[in-house]
Amino acid sequence: MQPRLLTEQEAADYLRVPAATVRKLSLGRVVLGTRHRYDRKALDTHLDRLAGLETASSQSMEQADVELARFISNHSRLAGPA
């Protein structure tokens, strides 16, 4: 199992960028006392956004909204007068 929190060097290796570049990033940084760690999930989410990909949670929320709207339109007579 891979750790969720990464050291600066591990985050740099994961992103395949120099550690100096990771140091400049504020995204995904978690401060534990005097130590800085980088959240792997936050890094992944940011990369997904940069690539124009949707995250699973946003897809599921959009799908839930579509299904709710469909249900409401199909069952509007049950809602009664507005």
Protein backbone atom coordinates (compact mmCIF):
# COMPACT_ATOMS: atom_id res chain seq x y z
CA MET A 1 0.00 0.00 0.00
CA GLN A 2 1.33 3.42 -0.94
CA PRO A 3 1.33 6.18 1.68
CA ARG A 4 -1.11 9.03 1.14
CA LEU A 5 1.19 11.71 2.54
CA LEU A 6 4.43 12.19 0.67
CA THR A 7 7.66 13.93 1.58
CA GLU A 8 8.83 16.73 -0.68
CA GLN A 9 11.18 14.39 -2.53
CA GLU A 10 8.55 11.65 -2.84
CA ALA A 11 6.08 14.20 -4.24
CA ALA A 12 8.74 15.39 -6.69
CA ASP A 13 9.42 11.82 -7.79
CA TYR A 14 5.67 11.14 -8.08
CA LEU A 15 5.13 14.24 -10.24
CA ARG A 16 8.46 13.76 -12.05
CA VAL A 17 9.55 17.32 -11.35
CA PRO A 18 12.46 18.76 -9.35
CA ALA A 19 12.00 19.11 -5.59
CA ALA A 20 12.44 22.89 -6.00
CA THR A 21 9.28 22.93 -8.13
CA VAL A 22 7.32 21.03 -5.47
CA ARG A 23 8.54 23.53 -2.88
CA LYS A 24 6.84 26.33 -4.86
CA LEU A 25 3.49 24.51 -4.89
CA SER A 26 0.99 25.20 -2.16
CA LEU A 27 -1.50 22.61 -3.40
CA GLY A 28 -1.77 19.47 -1.37
CA ARG A 29 0.66 20.68 1.29
CA VAL A 30 -0.10 19.47 4.79
CA VAL A 31 1.85 20.85 7.72
CA LEU A 32 2.44 18.39 10.54
CA GLY A 33 4.27 20.29 13.26
CA THR A 34 7.39 21.50 11.48
CA ARG A 35 7.19 18.96 8.68
CA HIS A 36 5.57 19.50 5.32
CA ARG A 37 3.92 16.62 3.53
CA TYR A 38 2.02 16.48 0.25
CA ASP A 39 -1.33 14.77 -0.08
CA ARG A 40 -1.25 12.33 -3.01
CA LYS A 41 -5.02 12.64 -3.58
CA ALA A 42 -4.83 16.46 -3.73
CA LEU A 43 -1.97 16.21 -6.23
CA ASP A 44 -3.98 13.76 -8.35
CA THR A 45 -7.08 15.98 -8.25
CA HIS A 46 -5.06 19.02 -9.31
CA LEU A 47 -3.47 17.11 -12.18
CA ASP A 48 -6.91 15.85 -13.28
CA ARG A 49 -8.17 19.43 -13.39
CA LEU A 50 -5.14 20.60 -15.35
CA ALA A 51 -5.72 17.80 -17.85
CA GLY A 52 -9.40 18.66 -18.16
CA LEU A 53 -10.51 15.44 -16.52
CA GLU A 54 -13.38 15.27 -14.10
CA THR A 55 -12.92 13.65 -10.75
CA ALA A 56 -15.09 10.68 -9.81
CA SER A 57 -16.90 12.69 -7.13
CA SER A 58 -17.87 15.47 -9.53
CA GLN A 59 -19.04 12.91 -12.08
CA SER A 60 -21.18 11.11 -9.51
CA MET A 61 -22.65 14.40 -8.27
CA GLU A 62 -23.51 15.48 -11.81
CA GLN A 63 -25.08 12.07 -12.49
CA ALA A 64 -27.10 12.33 -9.27
CA ASP A 65 -28.32 15.79 -10.30
CA VAL A 66 -29.39 14.48 -13.71
CA GLU A 67 -31.23 11.53 -12.19
CA LEU A 68 -32.96 13.77 -9.64
CA ALA A 69 -34.08 16.21 -12.35
CA ARG A 70 -35.37 13.29 -14.44
CA PHE A 71 -37.27 11.86 -11.47
CA ILE A 72 -38.82 15.25 -10.66
CA SER A 73 -39.92 15.81 -14.25
CA ASN A 74 -41.38 12.29 -14.49
CA HIS A 75 -43.22 12.62 -11.18
CA SER A 76 -44.18 16.27 -11.13
CA ARG A 77 -47.85 15.42 -10.58
CA LEU A 78 -46.89 13.93 -7.18
CA ALA A 79 -45.36 17.18 -6.00
CA GLY A 80 -48.72 18.95 -5.88
CA PRO A 81 -49.27 22.65 -6.47
CA ALA A 82 -46.27 24.89 -6.11
